[in-house]
Amino acid sequence: MRPNERSWRDACISILVGAIAVYVAVRLIEAVWVVLVAIAAVAACVMLAVALVRNRKRGW
């Protein structure tokens, strides 16, 4: 086997593995995006409540 054939095969395998990794990542995000948005919304509400309390009491 010539050295160039091996490098082409390695490059193709690397591209295939990268494509599979991107596919799995996208599927995972699609599966949990609702939970992530809910967590972000709760965190935003908590930060808003803290800001309102601090503003009302002029600090802690």
Foldseek 3Di string as FASTA:
>chain_A
DDPVVVVVVVVVVVVVVVVVVVVVVVVVCVVCVVVVVVVVVVVVVVVVVVVVVCVVVVHD
